[in-house]
Amino acid sequence: MSPLFKISLAEWSLHRALENGKLDHLDFPKVTREDFGIEAIELVNTFFKDKVHDQKYLAEFKHRSDSLGVKTLLIMCDHEGDLGDPDAPKRAQAIENHFKWLEATKFLGGHSIRVNARPSSDAQEQKDFVADGLRRLSEHAAKLQLNVLVENHGGISSNAAWLVSLIQQVNLPNCGTLPDFGNFKLTDGTYYDRYRGVAELMPFAKAVSAKAQGFDAQGNELNTDYRHMMKIVLDAAYRGYVGIEYEDSRLPEPEGILATKRLLEKVRDELSQSTV
């Protein structure tokens, strides 16, 4: 019987090791497979930004991944310009800046890129700019049979109702969401309810990020009830990958990743039994 969901690893979970040179991006598939027993990965563009046009480098990464049976799912894209920039030429440049990551995703066998949508305000004019950028990028992605996903990732994008209305305004089947369990801090210092937020984003989700920021003595995540959250995910008929994104310093990165994996596996077993 197929598992209720599969587990992947977001490269950001090892960002300290990557940033201080203890881990090379090319070795990420090996570490994922051999150290954590995970067979699918979500890449971050900043860890190989200078190599995106290097076909030899990308081919080596793909060879290493394929030889280990590790699948690349998507690339998370940051620092490529504002897709909702009010200045039309700057918006067009930001759209074009993402094309290379679509091409890299296609080459590596992924299904999506994750982008940011953080206008300066929630005014309709600002949303129109973002919708325009997302629509044009998604139309280009469709030619490659790829998706463009928006994460709740700070600013107004952490307001799930706003993000849903944005996706609905774009109204393209390959423009969806990547719900993150933890990114619901709003700009005014308040928080959008994370369970409501994920429930609202799930109908458009093509990937899910299991944010982990610490654990209690029983192995439960400190901020999110994973049982409650994963039931929301599964009730939306989602059966894809759930990506581990550990970003705390109380445990070393490898230990935090394994703690998150254990929790997801435990919750999966419990929810599997309850659906029998």
Protein backbone atom coordinates (compact mmCIF):
# COMPACT_ATOMS: atom_id res chain seq x y z
CA MET A 1 0.00 0.00 0.00
CA SER A 2 1.33 3.46 -0.89
CA PRO A 3 2.15 5.75 2.06
CA LEU A 4 -0.25 8.59 2.80
CA PHE A 5 2.55 10.99 1.87
CA LYS A 6 6.23 10.84 1.00
CA ILE A 7 9.01 12.76 2.72
CA SER A 8 11.53 15.01 0.97
CA LEU A 9 14.31 17.26 2.21
CA ALA A 10 14.58 20.98 1.57
CA GLU A 11 18.18 22.07 1.02
CA TRP A 12 17.64 25.04 3.34
CA SER A 13 17.69 22.56 6.24
CA LEU A 14 21.45 22.38 5.75
CA HIS A 15 22.03 26.05 4.97
CA ARG A 16 24.61 26.54 7.72
CA ALA A 17 26.72 23.64 6.49
CA LEU A 18 26.43 24.90 2.92
CA GLU A 19 27.21 28.50 3.82
CA ASN A 20 30.30 27.68 5.91
CA GLY A 21 31.70 25.26 3.34
CA LYS A 22 31.24 22.07 5.34
CA LEU A 23 28.88 20.76 2.67
CA ASP A 24 29.16 21.21 -1.09
CA HIS A 25 25.96 21.54 -3.10
CA LEU A 26 27.05 18.65 -5.32
CA ASP A 27 27.11 16.38 -2.26
CA PHE A 28 23.59 17.27 -1.12
CA PRO A 29 21.98 14.23 -2.84
CA LYS A 30 24.52 11.86 -1.23
CA VAL A 31 23.97 13.29 2.25
CA THR A 32 20.20 13.20 1.76
CA ARG A 33 20.24 9.55 0.78
CA GLU A 34 22.97 8.14 2.99
CA ASP A 35 22.63 10.22 6.16
CA PHE A 36 18.88 10.66 6.27
CA GLY A 37 17.40 7.87 4.14
CA ILE A 38 15.43 10.35 2.02
CA GLU A 39 15.02 9.99 -1.73
CA ALA A 40 13.68 13.38 -2.88
CA ILE A 41 15.09 16.89 -2.60
CA GLU A 42 14.05 20.53 -2.93
CA LEU A 43 16.91 22.77 -4.00
CA VAL A 44 17.66 26.42 -3.17
CA ASN A 45 18.96 28.53 -6.03
CA THR A 46 21.38 30.58 -3.93
CA PHE A 47 23.56 27.53 -3.29
CA PHE A 48 24.41 27.12 -6.98
CA LYS A 49 23.48 30.48 -8.45
CA ASP A 50 26.79 30.86 -10.26
CA LYS A 51 26.39 27.41 -11.86
CA VAL A 52 22.90 27.68 -13.34
CA HIS A 53 24.28 28.13 -16.87
CA ASP A 54 27.02 25.51 -16.39
CA GLN A 55 25.62 22.46 -18.17
CA LYS A 56 28.56 20.30 -17.09
CA TYR A 57 27.90 21.17 -13.44
CA LEU A 58 24.16 20.53 -13.72
CA ALA A 59 24.82 17.23 -15.51
CA GLU A 60 27.18 16.18 -12.70
CA PHE A 61 24.54 17.03 -10.09
CA LYS A 62 21.93 15.05 -12.03
CA HIS A 63 24.30 12.10 -12.46
CA ARG A 64 25.02 12.00 -8.73
CA SER A 65 21.33 12.25 -7.90
CA ASP A 66 20.26 9.61 -10.40
CA SER A 67 22.96 7.17 -9.34
CA LEU A 68 21.69 7.40 -5.75
CA GLY A 69 18.03 7.20 -6.70
CA VAL A 70 17.41 10.75 -5.46
CA LYS A 71 14.74 12.80 -7.23
CA THR A 72 14.85 16.58 -7.59
CA LEU A 73 11.35 17.98 -7.03
CA LEU A 74 11.74 21.74 -7.31
CA ILE A 75 14.02 24.74 -7.00
CA MET A 76 13.27 27.52 -4.51
CA CYS A 77 14.14 30.84 -6.14
CA ASP A 78 15.19 33.94 -4.21
CA HIS A 79 16.93 37.22 -5.10
CA GLU A 80 15.85 37.29 -8.75
CA GLY A 81 13.86 40.51 -8.66
CA ASP A 82 10.32 41.44 -7.77
CA LEU A 83 7.68 39.73 -9.91
CA GLY A 84 5.26 42.43 -8.82
CA ASP A 85 7.50 45.44 -9.36
CA PRO A 86 5.35 48.48 -10.26
CA ASP A 87 7.99 49.44 -12.83
CA ALA A 88 7.08 47.44 -15.93
CA PRO A 89 10.65 47.01 -17.29
CA LYS A 90 11.90 45.88 -13.86
CA ARG A 91 8.98 43.45 -13.59
CA ALA A 92 9.77 42.08 -17.04
CA GLN A 93 13.41 41.63 -16.03
CA ALA A 94 12.41 39.78 -12.86
CA ILE A 95 10.22 37.45 -14.91
CA GLU A 96 13.06 36.77 -17.32
CA ASN A 97 15.49 36.23 -14.42
CA HIS A 98 13.45 33.18 -13.41
CA PHE A 99 13.59 31.56 -16.86
CA LYS A 100 17.01 30.04 -16.22
CA TRP A 101 15.71 28.33 -13.09
CA LEU A 102 12.81 26.86 -15.01
CA GLU A 103 15.30 25.47 -17.51
CA ALA A 104 17.48 24.06 -14.72
CA THR A 105 14.43 22.50 -13.05
CA LYS A 106 13.42 20.86 -16.31
CA PHE A 107 16.93 19.51 -16.87
CA LEU A 108 17.12 18.10 -13.34
CA GLY A 109 13.71 16.44 -13.62
CA GLY A 110 11.73 18.65 -11.25
CA HIS A 111 8.12 19.74 -11.50
CA SER A 112 8.16 23.33 -10.17
CA ILE A 113 9.98 26.44 -9.13
CA ARG A 114 9.01 28.26 -5.94
CA VAL A 115 8.88 32.04 -6.20
CA ASN A 116 8.11 34.96 -3.90
CA ALA A 117 5.15 37.32 -4.11
CA ARG A 118 5.60 40.15 -1.62
CA PRO A 119 4.22 43.48 -2.81
CA SER A 120 4.62 46.57 -0.68
CA SER A 121 0.93 46.57 0.23
CA ASP A 122 -2.30 44.65 -0.24
CA ALA A 123 -3.76 47.33 -2.51
CA GLN A 124 -5.47 45.94 -5.59
CA GLU A 125 -3.04 47.79 -7.85
CA GLN A 126 -0.11 46.08 -6.13
CA LYS A 127 -1.84 42.70 -6.44
CA ASP A 128 -2.45 43.36 -10.14
CA PHE A 129 1.28 43.85 -10.68
CA VAL A 130 2.09 40.56 -8.93
CA ALA A 131 -0.65 38.71 -10.79
CA ASP A 132 0.76 40.01 -14.07
CA GLY A 133 4.25 38.81 -13.21
CA LEU A 134 3.06 35.43 -12.02
CA ARG A 135 0.80 34.94 -15.03
CA ARG A 136 3.54 35.71 -17.53
CA LEU A 137 6.05 33.51 -15.73
CA SER A 138 3.52 30.68 -15.44
CA GLU A 139 2.69 30.93 -19.13
CA HIS A 140 6.38 30.50 -19.91
CA ALA A 141 6.65 27.61 -17.43
CA ALA A 142 3.71 25.87 -19.08
CA LYS A 143 5.74 25.58 -22.28
CA LEU A 144 8.17 23.43 -20.27
CA GLN A 145 5.34 21.57 -18.51
CA LEU A 146 6.39 23.06 -15.19
CA ASN A 147 4.60 24.79 -12.31
CA VAL A 148 5.18 28.11 -10.57
CA LEU A 149 4.45 27.92 -6.85
CA VAL A 150 4.09 30.77 -4.37
CA GLU A 151 4.98 30.16 -0.73
CA ASN A 152 3.63 32.05 2.23
CA HIS A 153 7.02 33.65 2.73
CA GLY A 154 6.76 36.94 4.55
CA GLY A 155 4.93 40.23 4.13
CA ILE A 156 1.44 40.11 2.70
CA SER A 157 2.15 36.66 1.22
CA SER A 158 1.87 35.30 4.78
CA ASN A 159 -1.80 36.30 4.71
CA ALA A 160 -3.25 33.09 3.26
CA ALA A 161 -6.54 34.68 2.23
CA TRP A 162 -4.64 37.29 0.19
CA LEU A 163 -2.41 34.65 -1.38
CA VAL A 164 -5.44 32.52 -2.34
CA SER A 165 -7.06 35.53 -3.98
CA LEU A 166 -3.83 36.16 -5.91
CA ILE A 167 -3.69 32.58 -7.22
CA GLN A 168 -7.35 32.83 -8.19
CA GLN A 169 -6.68 36.09 -10.02
CA VAL A 170 -3.86 34.49 -12.03
CA ASN A 171 -6.20 31.57 -12.75
CA LEU A 172 -3.76 29.21 -14.44
CA PRO A 173 -3.58 25.48 -13.61
CA ASN A 174 0.21 25.51 -13.26
CA CYS A 175 0.28 28.47 -10.84
CA GLY A 176 -0.22 27.13 -7.33
CA THR A 177 0.94 27.29 -3.73
CA LEU A 178 3.60 25.78 -1.50
CA PRO A 179 2.11 26.00 2.00
CA ASP A 180 4.71 26.35 4.76
CA PHE A 181 3.64 25.36 8.28
CA GLY A 182 5.44 28.26 9.93
CA ASN A 183 5.61 31.37 7.74
CA PHE A 184 2.52 33.20 8.93
CA LYS A 185 3.97 36.31 10.56
CA LEU A 186 2.22 39.39 9.18
CA THR A 187 3.85 42.74 8.64
CA ASP A 188 2.14 44.39 11.60
CA GLY A 189 3.61 41.90 14.07
CA THR A 190 0.51 39.73 14.28
CA TYR A 191 0.20 36.17 13.07
CA TYR A 192 -2.23 34.55 10.68
CA ASP A 193 -3.59 31.32 12.17
CA ARG A 194 -1.31 28.63 10.72
CA TYR A 195 -3.94 25.90 10.62
CA ARG A 196 -6.49 28.09 8.91
CA GLY A 197 -3.78 29.34 6.57
CA VAL A 198 -2.63 25.91 5.45
CA ALA A 199 -6.25 24.78 5.04
CA GLU A 200 -6.91 27.75 2.75
CA LEU A 201 -3.74 27.19 0.70
CA MET A 202 -4.01 23.43 0.28
CA PRO A 203 -6.56 23.37 -2.58
CA PHE A 204 -3.87 25.01 -4.74
CA ALA A 205 -0.85 23.15 -3.32
CA LYS A 206 1.61 21.21 -5.44
CA ALA A 207 4.18 20.88 -2.63
CA VAL A 208 4.17 21.25 1.18
CA SER A 209 6.88 22.50 3.55
CA ALA A 210 7.02 21.02 7.06
CA LYS A 211 8.75 23.80 8.97
CA ALA A 212 10.43 22.67 12.20
CA GLN A 213 11.87 25.11 14.74
CA GLY A 214 12.46 22.96 17.81
CA PHE A 215 11.09 19.95 19.66
CA ASP A 216 9.84 19.06 23.13
CA ALA A 217 10.96 16.02 25.14
CA GLN A 218 8.37 13.84 23.38
CA GLY A 219 9.65 14.80 19.95
CA ASN A 220 6.75 17.10 19.08
CA GLU A 221 7.42 20.33 17.19
CA LEU A 222 7.22 23.30 19.52
CA ASN A 223 5.06 25.57 17.37
CA THR A 224 2.96 23.29 15.18
CA ASP A 225 0.74 20.35 16.08
CA TYR A 226 1.93 18.07 13.27
CA ARG A 227 -0.97 15.65 13.72
CA HIS A 228 -3.50 18.42 13.29
CA MET A 229 -1.56 19.99 10.43
CA MET A 230 -1.00 16.78 8.50
CA LYS A 231 -4.68 15.88 8.83
CA ILE A 232 -5.47 19.23 7.19
CA VAL A 233 -3.00 18.41 4.41
CA LEU A 234 -4.43 14.93 3.84
CA ASP A 235 -8.05 16.07 4.09
CA ALA A 236 -7.30 18.24 1.05
CA ALA A 237 -6.59 14.99 -0.85
CA TYR A 238 -2.88 15.83 -1.07
CA ARG A 239 -0.73 12.73 -1.45
CA GLY A 240 2.54 14.22 -2.65
CA TYR A 241 5.81 14.97 -0.92
CA VAL A 242 6.08 16.81 2.39
CA GLY A 243 9.43 18.57 2.59
CA ILE A 244 11.44 18.77 5.79
CA GLU A 245 12.59 22.34 6.43
CA TYR A 246 14.50 22.46 9.69
CA GLU A 247 15.71 25.93 10.69
CA ASP A 248 16.62 26.07 14.34
CA SER A 249 19.94 26.13 16.16
CA ARG A 250 19.02 24.24 19.32
CA LEU A 251 19.83 21.00 17.54
CA PRO A 252 22.59 20.61 14.96
CA GLU A 253 21.16 20.53 11.46
CA PRO A 254 21.50 16.75 10.95
CA GLU A 255 19.82 16.01 14.28
CA GLY A 256 17.04 18.48 13.56
CA ILE A 257 16.39 16.90 10.17
CA LEU A 258 16.20 13.42 11.70
CA ALA A 259 13.91 14.65 14.49
CA THR A 260 11.55 16.15 11.92
CA LYS A 261 11.63 12.96 9.87
CA ARG A 262 10.83 10.82 12.91
CA LEU A 263 7.88 13.06 13.77
CA LEU A 264 6.51 12.97 10.23
CA GLU A 265 6.87 9.19 10.10
CA LYS A 266 5.17 8.80 13.49
CA VAL A 267 2.28 11.03 12.44
CA ARG A 268 1.99 9.20 9.13
CA ASP A 269 1.76 5.84 10.91
CA GLU A 270 -0.90 7.15 13.30
CA LEU A 271 -2.97 8.70 10.53
CA SER A 272 -2.60 5.57 8.39
CA GLN A 273 -4.08 3.46 11.18
CA SER A 274 -6.95 5.87 11.68
CA THR A 275 -7.91 5.65 8.01
CA VAL A 276 -7.92 1.83 7.87
